[in-house]
Amino acid sequence: MALTLASCGGATYEETRSRKASSQKNEAIATKNEQPAAPKAEKPAALTANNWSSGRVVSQAEIDITGIDNCFVSSEIPDAIFAKMQGKSWPDNCTLQRSDLRYLRLLHCNAEGKPQMGELVTNQKIADMVLKIFRDLYDHHYRIEKMHLIDDYDGNDDASMADNNTSCFNYRCVPGTKNISKHSYGLAIDINPLYNPYIPIRNGKPFVMPPNGEPYAFGRDTAQFQYKIDREDLAYQLFRKAGFNWGGSWSRSKDYQHFQWAE
């Protein structure tokens, strides 16, 4: 008589082994599913635009990680920046409200054509327009040597110009006058000022500011040098299209670095 491996009503050995294997498999799957999910990777602090200091050269890999749109941002004036401005671009007699201004962080192509972080303080009325213009300049690889707050120069416009620093807000008078400058309202921007000097007429003679910009002050129609702003220049075209006036068009004094909002 053939023997079986099961008692009455019981499972065979093969059935029992199969059920045990299936149970162990299910337990393994359940255990795996109960494992905590791996934490989501965060961007390293050094690779986020908010942590890039003014003047920092940035790699394309860093830009790709943080996102190009996050490299052109406007915000209300942060406490740390406002504290830095005190007694410099924001003197005790400043008549503006803090809320009138915006703090801009933006990339530009430096003297070597490399992406570099810059910062500006502008009037809130023009902040978005300025961001768009500088984004267009960046996309076209337009070179701006440096873009620090003028507070890094203790609010001294002469020192900022001599260092070819691009800047905007600085509560001050027009040099040599008692007239409040458009820079006092954050409505004027000076771009690559060493190579695009301000040339007021004083005592009937042209006076070059900054003094080390004199080689770039005269004969500009035929002279060729980097950073020169003229009517063929992209910065000129973008600012004029956006509704800014250019100091290089003034009939008497010339201010080749200067674009101011025409209200």
C-alpha atoms as a PDB file:
ATOM      1  CA  MET A   1       0.000   0.000   0.000  1.00  0.00           C
ATOM      2  CA  ALA A   2       1.300   3.380  -0.929  1.00  0.00           C
ATOM      3  CA  LEU A   3       2.172   5.617   2.040  1.00  0.00           C
ATOM      4  CA  THR A   4       1.147   9.258   2.271  1.00  0.00           C
ATOM      5  CA  LEU A   5       2.883  12.020   4.240  1.00  0.00           C
ATOM      6  CA  ALA A   6      -0.341  13.451   5.614  1.00  0.00           C
ATOM      7  CA  SER A   7      -2.683  12.455   8.384  1.00  0.00           C
ATOM      8  CA  CYS A   8      -6.411  12.626   7.874  1.00  0.00           C
ATOM      9  CA  GLY A   9      -7.511  16.086   7.102  1.00  0.00           C
ATOM     10  CA  GLY A  10      -3.877  17.381   7.322  1.00  0.00           C
ATOM     11  CA  ALA A  11      -1.657  19.083   4.755  1.00  0.00           C
ATOM     12  CA  THR A  12       1.086  17.291   2.914  1.00  0.00           C
ATOM     13  CA  TYR A  13       4.717  18.037   3.658  1.00  0.00           C
ATOM     14  CA  GLU A  14       5.096  19.924   0.368  1.00  0.00           C
ATOM     15  CA  GLU A  15       2.028  22.041   1.134  1.00  0.00           C
ATOM     16  CA  THR A  16       3.358  22.840   4.598  1.00  0.00           C
ATOM     17  CA  ARG A  17       6.797  23.795   3.278  1.00  0.00           C
ATOM     18  CA  SER A  18       5.242  25.974   0.560  1.00  0.00           C
ATOM     19  CA  ARG A  19       3.064  27.795   3.080  1.00  0.00           C
ATOM     20  CA  LYS A  20       6.020  28.398   5.396  1.00  0.00           C
ATOM     21  CA  ALA A  21       8.135  29.813   2.574  1.00  0.00           C
ATOM     22  CA  SER A  22       5.284  32.072   1.499  1.00  0.00           C
ATOM     23  CA  SER A  23       4.821  33.303   5.073  1.00  0.00           C
ATOM     24  CA  GLN A  24       8.534  34.091   5.426  1.00  0.00           C
ATOM     25  CA  LYS A  25       8.473  35.976   2.110  1.00  0.00           C
ATOM     26  CA  ASN A  26       5.480  38.057   3.211  1.00  0.00           C
ATOM     27  CA  GLU A  27       7.177  38.867   6.516  1.00  0.00           C
ATOM     28  CA  ALA A  28      10.303  39.995   4.653  1.00  0.00           C
ATOM     29  CA  ILE A  29       8.238  42.239   2.386  1.00  0.00           C
ATOM     30  CA  ALA A  30       6.400  43.723   5.357  1.00  0.00           C
ATOM     31  CA  THR A  31       9.668  44.369   7.183  1.00  0.00           C
ATOM     32  CA  LYS A  32      11.110  46.067   4.090  1.00  0.00           C
ATOM     33  CA  ASN A  33       8.026  48.248   3.727  1.00  0.00           C
ATOM     34  CA  GLU A  34       8.325  49.314   7.350  1.00  0.00           C
ATOM     35  CA  GLN A  35      11.848  50.660   6.834  1.00  0.00           C
ATOM     36  CA  PRO A  36      11.926  54.503   7.150  1.00  0.00           C
ATOM     37  CA  ALA A  37      12.298  56.357   3.855  1.00  0.00           C
ATOM     38  CA  ALA A  38      15.717  57.794   3.130  1.00  0.00           C
ATOM     39  CA  PRO A  39      15.846  61.528   3.945  1.00  0.00           C
ATOM     40  CA  LYS A  40      15.483  63.823   0.977  1.00  0.00           C
ATOM     41  CA  ALA A  41      18.783  65.268  -0.124  1.00  0.00           C
ATOM     42  CA  GLU A  42      19.115  68.980   0.562  1.00  0.00           C
ATOM     43  CA  LYS A  43      21.162  71.483  -1.363  1.00  0.00           C
ATOM     44  CA  PRO A  44      24.479  72.146   0.343  1.00  0.00           C
ATOM     45  CA  ALA A  45      24.488  75.622   1.901  1.00  0.00           C
ATOM     46  CA  ALA A  46      27.411  76.698  -0.288  1.00  0.00           C
ATOM     47  CA  LEU A  47      25.332  75.957  -3.362  1.00  0.00           C
ATOM     48  CA  THR A  48      22.367  78.208  -2.558  1.00  0.00           C
ATOM     49  CA  ALA A  49      22.395  81.765  -3.878  1.00  0.00           C
ATOM     50  CA  ASN A  50      21.396  83.269  -0.516  1.00  0.00           C
ATOM     51  CA  ASN A  51      24.762  82.209   0.884  1.00  0.00           C
ATOM     52  CA  TRP A  52      26.873  83.604  -1.941  1.00  0.00           C
ATOM     53  CA  SER A  53      28.627  86.783  -0.864  1.00  0.00           C
ATOM     54  CA  SER A  54      28.950  89.759  -3.175  1.00  0.00           C
ATOM     55  CA  GLY A  55      31.945  89.261  -5.448  1.00  0.00           C
ATOM     56  CA  ARG A  56      31.882  85.461  -5.199  1.00  0.00           C
ATOM     57  CA  VAL A  57      32.660  83.744  -8.503  1.00  0.00           C
ATOM     58  CA  VAL A  58      30.085  81.004  -9.042  1.00  0.00           C
ATOM     59  CA  SER A  59      30.457  77.824 -11.082  1.00  0.00           C
ATOM     60  CA  GLN A  60      27.909  76.756 -13.692  1.00  0.00           C
ATOM     61  CA  ALA A  61      27.295  73.595 -11.650  1.00  0.00           C
ATOM     62  CA  GLU A  62      26.284  75.715  -8.651  1.00  0.00           C
ATOM     63  CA  ILE A  63      23.977  77.799 -10.832  1.00  0.00           C
ATOM     64  CA  ASP A  64      22.363  74.655 -12.250  1.00  0.00           C
ATOM     65  CA  ILE A  65      21.746  73.276  -8.751  1.00  0.00           C
ATOM     66  CA  THR A  66      20.309  76.442  -7.228  1.00  0.00           C
ATOM     67  CA  GLY A  67      18.373  77.460 -10.385  1.00  0.00           C
ATOM     68  CA  ILE A  68      19.065  80.532 -12.492  1.00  0.00           C
ATOM     69  CA  ASP A  69      15.840  82.271 -11.407  1.00  0.00           C
ATOM     70  CA  ASN A  70      17.012  82.047  -7.781  1.00  0.00           C
ATOM     71  CA  CYS A  71      20.112  84.004  -8.783  1.00  0.00           C
ATOM     72  CA  PHE A  72      18.068  87.121  -9.625  1.00  0.00           C
ATOM     73  CA  VAL A  73      15.931  88.043  -6.637  1.00  0.00           C
ATOM     74  CA  SER A  74      14.477  91.125  -4.970  1.00  0.00           C
ATOM     75  CA  SER A  75      13.478  91.438  -1.331  1.00  0.00           C
ATOM     76  CA  GLU A  76      12.732  94.029   1.312  1.00  0.00           C
ATOM     77  CA  ILE A  77      15.888  95.374   2.927  1.00  0.00           C
ATOM     78  CA  PRO A  78      17.146  92.690   5.371  1.00  0.00           C
ATOM     79  CA  ASP A  79      18.069  93.820   8.874  1.00  0.00           C
ATOM     80  CA  ALA A  80      21.756  93.031   8.372  1.00  0.00           C
ATOM     81  CA  ILE A  81      21.916  95.061   5.158  1.00  0.00           C
ATOM     82  CA  PHE A  82      20.033  97.991   6.688  1.00  0.00           C
ATOM     83  CA  ALA A  83      22.448  98.013   9.611  1.00  0.00           C
ATOM     84  CA  LYS A  84      25.355  98.033   7.168  1.00  0.00           C
ATOM     85  CA  MET A  85      23.885 101.063   5.366  1.00  0.00           C
ATOM     86  CA  GLN A  86      23.651 103.225   8.492  1.00  0.00           C
ATOM     87  CA  GLY A  87      25.882 106.303   8.367  1.00  0.00           C
ATOM     88  CA  LYS A  88      27.014 105.377   4.853  1.00  0.00           C
ATOM     89  CA  SER A  89      24.486 105.184   2.013  1.00  0.00           C
ATOM     90  CA  TRP A  90      21.771 105.892   4.616  1.00  0.00           C
ATOM     91  CA  PRO A  91      22.917 108.980   6.576  1.00  0.00           C
ATOM     92  CA  ASP A  92      21.024 110.463   9.509  1.00  0.00           C
ATOM     93  CA  ASN A  93      19.301 113.016   7.266  1.00  0.00           C
ATOM     94  CA  CYS A  94      17.898 110.425   4.829  1.00  0.00           C
ATOM     95  CA  THR A  95      14.256 111.258   4.097  1.00  0.00           C
ATOM     96  CA  LEU A  96      13.205 107.900   2.646  1.00  0.00           C
ATOM     97  CA  GLN A  97      11.354 105.074   4.304  1.00  0.00           C
ATOM     98  CA  ARG A  98      13.088 101.732   4.463  1.00  0.00           C
ATOM     99  CA  SER A  99      10.081 100.265   2.648  1.00  0.00           C
ATOM    100  CA  ASP A 100      10.811 102.537  -0.342  1.00  0.00           C
ATOM    101  CA  LEU A 101      13.835 100.401  -1.209  1.00  0.00           C
ATOM    102  CA  ARG A 102      14.554  96.857  -2.294  1.00  0.00           C
ATOM    103  CA  TYR A 103      17.637  94.681  -1.947  1.00  0.00           C
ATOM    104  CA  LEU A 104      18.647  92.907  -5.160  1.00  0.00           C
ATOM    105  CA  ARG A 105      20.957  89.912  -5.479  1.00  0.00           C
ATOM    106  CA  LEU A 106      21.940  89.120  -9.025  1.00  0.00           C
ATOM    107  CA  LEU A 107      24.581  87.485 -11.152  1.00  0.00           C
ATOM    108  CA  HIS A 108      26.761  89.316 -13.633  1.00  0.00           C
ATOM    109  CA  CYS A 109      29.668  88.349 -15.868  1.00  0.00           C
ATOM    110  CA  ASN A 110      32.893  89.736 -14.404  1.00  0.00           C
ATOM    111  CA  ALA A 111      36.024  91.008 -16.159  1.00  0.00           C
ATOM    112  CA  GLU A 112      37.008  87.442 -17.090  1.00  0.00           C
ATOM    113  CA  GLY A 113      33.500  86.592 -18.248  1.00  0.00           C
ATOM    114  CA  LYS A 114      32.818  84.358 -15.228  1.00  0.00           C
ATOM    115  CA  PRO A 115      29.518  84.391 -13.296  1.00  0.00           C
ATOM    116  CA  GLN A 116      29.874  86.514 -10.172  1.00  0.00           C
ATOM    117  CA  MET A 117      27.371  87.432  -7.461  1.00  0.00           C
ATOM    118  CA  GLY A 118      26.478  91.105  -7.129  1.00  0.00           C
ATOM    119  CA  GLU A 119      24.094  93.197  -5.055  1.00  0.00           C
ATOM    120  CA  LEU A 120      22.240  96.483  -5.463  1.00  0.00           C
ATOM    121  CA  VAL A 121      19.797  98.560  -3.457  1.00  0.00           C
ATOM    122  CA  THR A 122      17.198 100.226  -5.663  1.00  0.00           C
ATOM    123  CA  ASN A 123      13.877 101.979  -5.332  1.00  0.00           C
ATOM    124  CA  GLN A 124      11.002  99.505  -5.096  1.00  0.00           C
ATOM    125  CA  LYS A 125       9.421 101.187  -8.164  1.00  0.00           C
ATOM    126  CA  ILE A 126      12.183  99.978 -10.473  1.00  0.00           C
ATOM    127  CA  ALA A 127      13.372  96.799  -8.737  1.00  0.00           C
ATOM    128  CA  ASP A 128      11.649  94.350 -11.086  1.00  0.00           C
ATOM    129  CA  MET A 129      12.718  96.285 -14.179  1.00  0.00           C
ATOM    130  CA  VAL A 130      16.318  96.380 -13.000  1.00  0.00           C
ATOM    131  CA  LEU A 131      16.311  92.630 -12.330  1.00  0.00           C
ATOM    132  CA  LYS A 132      15.029  91.974 -15.845  1.00  0.00           C
ATOM    133  CA  ILE A 133      17.631  94.263 -17.430  1.00  0.00           C
ATOM    134  CA  PHE A 134      20.503  92.660 -15.553  1.00  0.00           C
ATOM    135  CA  ARG A 135      19.189  89.186 -16.350  1.00  0.00           C
ATOM    136  CA  ASP A 136      19.230  90.125 -20.045  1.00  0.00           C
ATOM    137  CA  LEU A 137      22.742  91.515 -19.702  1.00  0.00           C
ATOM    138  CA  TYR A 138      23.867  88.305 -17.993  1.00  0.00           C
ATOM    139  CA  ASP A 139      22.238  86.107 -20.643  1.00  0.00           C
ATOM    140  CA  HIS A 140      24.163  88.063 -23.301  1.00  0.00           C
ATOM    141  CA  HIS A 141      27.457  87.705 -21.363  1.00  0.00           C
ATOM    142  CA  TYR A 142      27.689  91.479 -20.872  1.00  0.00           C
ATOM    143  CA  ARG A 143      30.665  92.217 -18.622  1.00  0.00           C
ATOM    144  CA  ILE A 144      30.344  94.211 -15.410  1.00  0.00           C
ATOM    145  CA  GLU A 145      33.524  94.131 -13.366  1.00  0.00           C
ATOM    146  CA  LYS A 146      31.998  94.286  -9.902  1.00  0.00           C
ATOM    147  CA  MET A 147      28.730  95.093  -8.173  1.00  0.00           C
ATOM    148  CA  HIS A 148      29.072  95.775  -4.441  1.00  0.00           C
ATOM    149  CA  LEU A 149      26.917  97.972  -2.232  1.00  0.00           C
ATOM    150  CA  ILE A 150      28.469 101.415  -1.997  1.00  0.00           C
ATOM    151  CA  ASP A 151      28.517 100.869   1.770  1.00  0.00           C
ATOM    152  CA  ASP A 152      31.587  98.700   1.131  1.00  0.00           C
ATOM    153  CA  TYR A 153      33.227 102.023   0.199  1.00  0.00           C
ATOM    154  CA  ASP A 154      31.784 103.819   3.237  1.00  0.00           C
ATOM    155  CA  GLY A 155      29.273 105.536   0.959  1.00  0.00           C
ATOM    156  CA  ASN A 156      32.125 107.305  -0.876  1.00  0.00           C
ATOM    157  CA  ASP A 157      31.071 107.616  -4.516  1.00  0.00           C
ATOM    158  CA  ASP A 158      34.546 108.707  -5.648  1.00  0.00           C
ATOM    159  CA  ALA A 159      36.097 105.529  -4.236  1.00  0.00           C
ATOM    160  CA  SER A 160      33.382 103.355  -5.768  1.00  0.00           C
ATOM    161  CA  MET A 161      33.817 104.915  -9.214  1.00  0.00           C
ATOM    162  CA  ALA A 162      37.608 104.661  -9.080  1.00  0.00           C
ATOM    163  CA  ASP A 163      37.250 100.934  -8.375  1.00  0.00           C
ATOM    164  CA  ASN A 164      34.889 100.513 -11.356  1.00  0.00           C
ATOM    165  CA  ASN A 165      32.076  99.417  -9.057  1.00  0.00           C
ATOM    166  CA  THR A 166      28.510  99.365 -10.352  1.00  0.00           C
ATOM    167  CA  SER A 167      26.050 100.782  -7.790  1.00  0.00           C
ATOM    168  CA  CYS A 168      22.656 102.390  -7.299  1.00  0.00           C
ATOM    169  CA  PHE A 169      21.318 103.776  -4.003  1.00  0.00           C
ATOM    170  CA  ASN A 170      23.374 106.351  -2.097  1.00  0.00           C
ATOM    171  CA  TYR A 171      21.686 109.239  -0.309  1.00  0.00           C
ATOM    172  CA  ARG A 172      23.826 112.204  -1.375  1.00  0.00           C
ATOM    173  CA  CYS A 173      23.924 115.409  -3.377  1.00  0.00           C
ATOM    174  CA  VAL A 174      25.078 115.689  -6.971  1.00  0.00           C
ATOM    175  CA  PRO A 175      28.857 116.310  -6.731  1.00  0.00           C
ATOM    176  CA  GLY A 176      29.673 120.022  -6.585  1.00  0.00           C
ATOM    177  CA  THR A 177      26.039 121.038  -5.917  1.00  0.00           C
ATOM    178  CA  LYS A 178      23.412 121.078  -3.185  1.00  0.00           C
ATOM    179  CA  ASN A 179      20.928 119.214  -5.366  1.00  0.00           C
ATOM    180  CA  ILE A 180      19.735 115.807  -4.216  1.00  0.00           C
ATOM    181  CA  SER A 181      20.904 113.108  -6.629  1.00  0.00           C
ATOM    182  CA  LYS A 182      18.572 110.541  -8.184  1.00  0.00           C
ATOM    183  CA  HIS A 183      20.806 108.004  -6.472  1.00  0.00           C
ATOM    184  CA  SER A 184      19.342 109.281  -3.202  1.00  0.00           C
ATOM    185  CA  TYR A 185      16.027 107.728  -4.191  1.00  0.00           C
ATOM    186  CA  GLY A 186      17.495 104.551  -5.650  1.00  0.00           C
ATOM    187  CA  LEU A 187      16.356 105.673  -9.099  1.00  0.00           C
ATOM    188  CA  ALA A 188      19.761 105.877 -10.825  1.00  0.00           C
ATOM    189  CA  ILE A 189      22.395 103.260 -11.590  1.00  0.00           C
ATOM    190  CA  ASP A 190      26.063 103.800 -12.476  1.00  0.00           C
ATOM    191  CA  ILE A 191      27.558 101.013 -14.588  1.00  0.00           C
ATOM    192  CA  ASN A 192      31.307 100.383 -14.962  1.00  0.00           C
ATOM    193  CA  PRO A 193      31.983 104.011 -13.898  1.00  0.00           C
ATOM    194  CA  LEU A 194      35.752 104.028 -14.288  1.00  0.00           C
ATOM    195  CA  TYR A 195      35.443 103.456 -18.039  1.00  0.00           C
ATOM    196  CA  ASN A 196      32.338 105.658 -18.331  1.00  0.00           C
ATOM    197  CA  PRO A 197      33.230 108.723 -16.259  1.00  0.00           C
ATOM    198  CA  TYR A 198      31.136 111.644 -15.117  1.00  0.00           C
ATOM    199  CA  ILE A 199      32.349 114.886 -16.730  1.00  0.00           C
ATOM    200  CA  PRO A 200      30.695 117.995 -15.242  1.00  0.00           C
ATOM    201  CA  ILE A 201      31.669 121.462 -16.375  1.00  0.00           C
ATOM    202  CA  ARG A 202      33.281 123.497 -13.593  1.00  0.00           C
ATOM    203  CA  ASN A 203      34.539 127.025 -14.058  1.00  0.00           C
ATOM    204  CA  GLY A 204      34.011 126.566 -17.769  1.00  0.00           C
ATOM    205  CA  LYS A 205      36.201 123.447 -17.985  1.00  0.00           C
ATOM    206  CA  PRO A 206      35.447 119.721 -18.011  1.00  0.00           C
ATOM    207  CA  PHE A 207      36.241 117.935 -14.776  1.00  0.00           C
ATOM    208  CA  VAL A 208      36.637 114.141 -14.916  1.00  0.00           C
ATOM    209  CA  MET A 209      35.262 111.932 -12.148  1.00  0.00           C
ATOM    210  CA  PRO A 210      36.858 109.652 -11.172  1.00  0.00           C
ATOM    211  CA  PRO A 211      40.253 111.187 -12.034  1.00  0.00           C
ATOM    212  CA  ASN A 212      41.650 107.800 -13.112  1.00  0.00           C
ATOM    213  CA  GLY A 213      38.858 107.660 -15.697  1.00  0.00           C
ATOM    214  CA  GLU A 214      40.386 110.480 -17.758  1.00  0.00           C
ATOM    215  CA  PRO A 215      41.834 108.133 -20.436  1.00  0.00           C
ATOM    216  CA  TYR A 216      38.228 107.132 -21.213  1.00  0.00           C
ATOM    217  CA  ALA A 217      36.635 110.579 -21.011  1.00  0.00           C
ATOM    218  CA  PHE A 218      37.336 112.145 -24.401  1.00  0.00           C
ATOM    219  CA  GLY A 219      37.337 111.049 -28.029  1.00  0.00           C
ATOM    220  CA  ARG A 220      34.864 108.316 -27.207  1.00  0.00           C
ATOM    221  CA  ASP A 221      33.267 108.340 -30.663  1.00  0.00           C
ATOM    222  CA  THR A 222      36.337 106.659 -32.146  1.00  0.00           C
ATOM    223  CA  ALA A 223      38.061 105.133 -29.105  1.00  0.00           C
ATOM    224  CA  GLN A 224      37.714 101.394 -28.539  1.00  0.00           C
ATOM    225  CA  PHE A 225      38.027  99.895 -25.046  1.00  0.00           C
ATOM    226  CA  GLN A 226      36.190  97.397 -22.873  1.00  0.00           C
ATOM    227  CA  TYR A 227      33.153  98.468 -20.858  1.00  0.00           C
ATOM    228  CA  LYS A 228      32.484 101.503 -23.079  1.00  0.00           C
ATOM    229  CA  ILE A 229      28.838 102.587 -23.032  1.00  0.00           C
ATOM    230  CA  ASP A 230      27.523 104.291 -26.141  1.00  0.00           C
ATOM    231  CA  ARG A 231      24.341 104.108 -28.197  1.00  0.00           C
ATOM    232  CA  GLU A 232      25.404 100.776 -29.683  1.00  0.00           C
ATOM    233  CA  ASP A 233      25.913  99.262 -26.258  1.00  0.00           C
ATOM    234  CA  LEU A 234      23.453  96.650 -24.970  1.00  0.00           C
ATOM    235  CA  ALA A 235      23.087  98.292 -21.545  1.00  0.00           C
ATOM    236  CA  TYR A 236      22.165 101.566 -23.238  1.00  0.00           C
ATOM    237  CA  GLN A 237      19.571  99.841 -25.399  1.00  0.00           C
ATOM    238  CA  LEU A 238      17.965  97.891 -22.555  1.00  0.00           C
ATOM    239  CA  PHE A 239      17.808 100.800 -20.122  1.00  0.00           C
ATOM    240  CA  ARG A 240      16.439 103.185 -22.729  1.00  0.00           C
ATOM    241  CA  LYS A 241      13.811 100.656 -23.798  1.00  0.00           C
ATOM    242  CA  ALA A 242      12.735 100.322 -20.158  1.00  0.00           C
ATOM    243  CA  GLY A 243      12.260 104.103 -19.830  1.00  0.00           C
ATOM    244  CA  PHE A 244      15.561 105.270 -18.351  1.00  0.00           C
ATOM    245  CA  ASN A 245      17.481 108.357 -19.437  1.00  0.00           C
ATOM    246  CA  TRP A 246      21.208 108.169 -20.169  1.00  0.00           C
ATOM    247  CA  GLY A 247      23.667 110.738 -18.811  1.00  0.00           C
ATOM    248  CA  GLY A 248      25.784 110.397 -21.937  1.00  0.00           C
ATOM    249  CA  SER A 249      23.037 112.224 -23.845  1.00  0.00           C
ATOM    250  CA  TRP A 250      23.136 115.325 -21.674  1.00  0.00           C
ATOM    251  CA  SER A 251      23.944 118.465 -23.628  1.00  0.00           C
ATOM    252  CA  ARG A 252      26.443 120.073 -21.247  1.00  0.00           C
ATOM    253  CA  SER A 253      27.850 117.758 -18.605  1.00  0.00           C
ATOM    254  CA  LYS A 254      28.276 114.104 -19.574  1.00  0.00           C
ATOM    255  CA  ASP A 255      27.677 111.122 -17.313  1.00  0.00           C
ATOM    256  CA  TYR A 256      28.384 108.049 -19.414  1.00  0.00           C
ATOM    257  CA  GLN A 257      27.960 105.601 -16.532  1.00  0.00           C
ATOM    258  CA  HIS A 258      24.581 106.950 -15.456  1.00  0.00           C
ATOM    259  CA  PHE A 259      21.046 105.658 -16.167  1.00  0.00           C
ATOM    260  CA  GLN A 260      18.168 107.226 -14.261  1.00  0.00           C
ATOM    261  CA  TRP A 261      14.496 106.445 -14.177  1.00  0.00           C
ATOM    262  CA  ALA A 262      12.463 109.035 -16.076  1.00  0.00           C
ATOM    263  CA  GLU A 263       9.381 109.523 -13.879  1.00  0.00           C
END
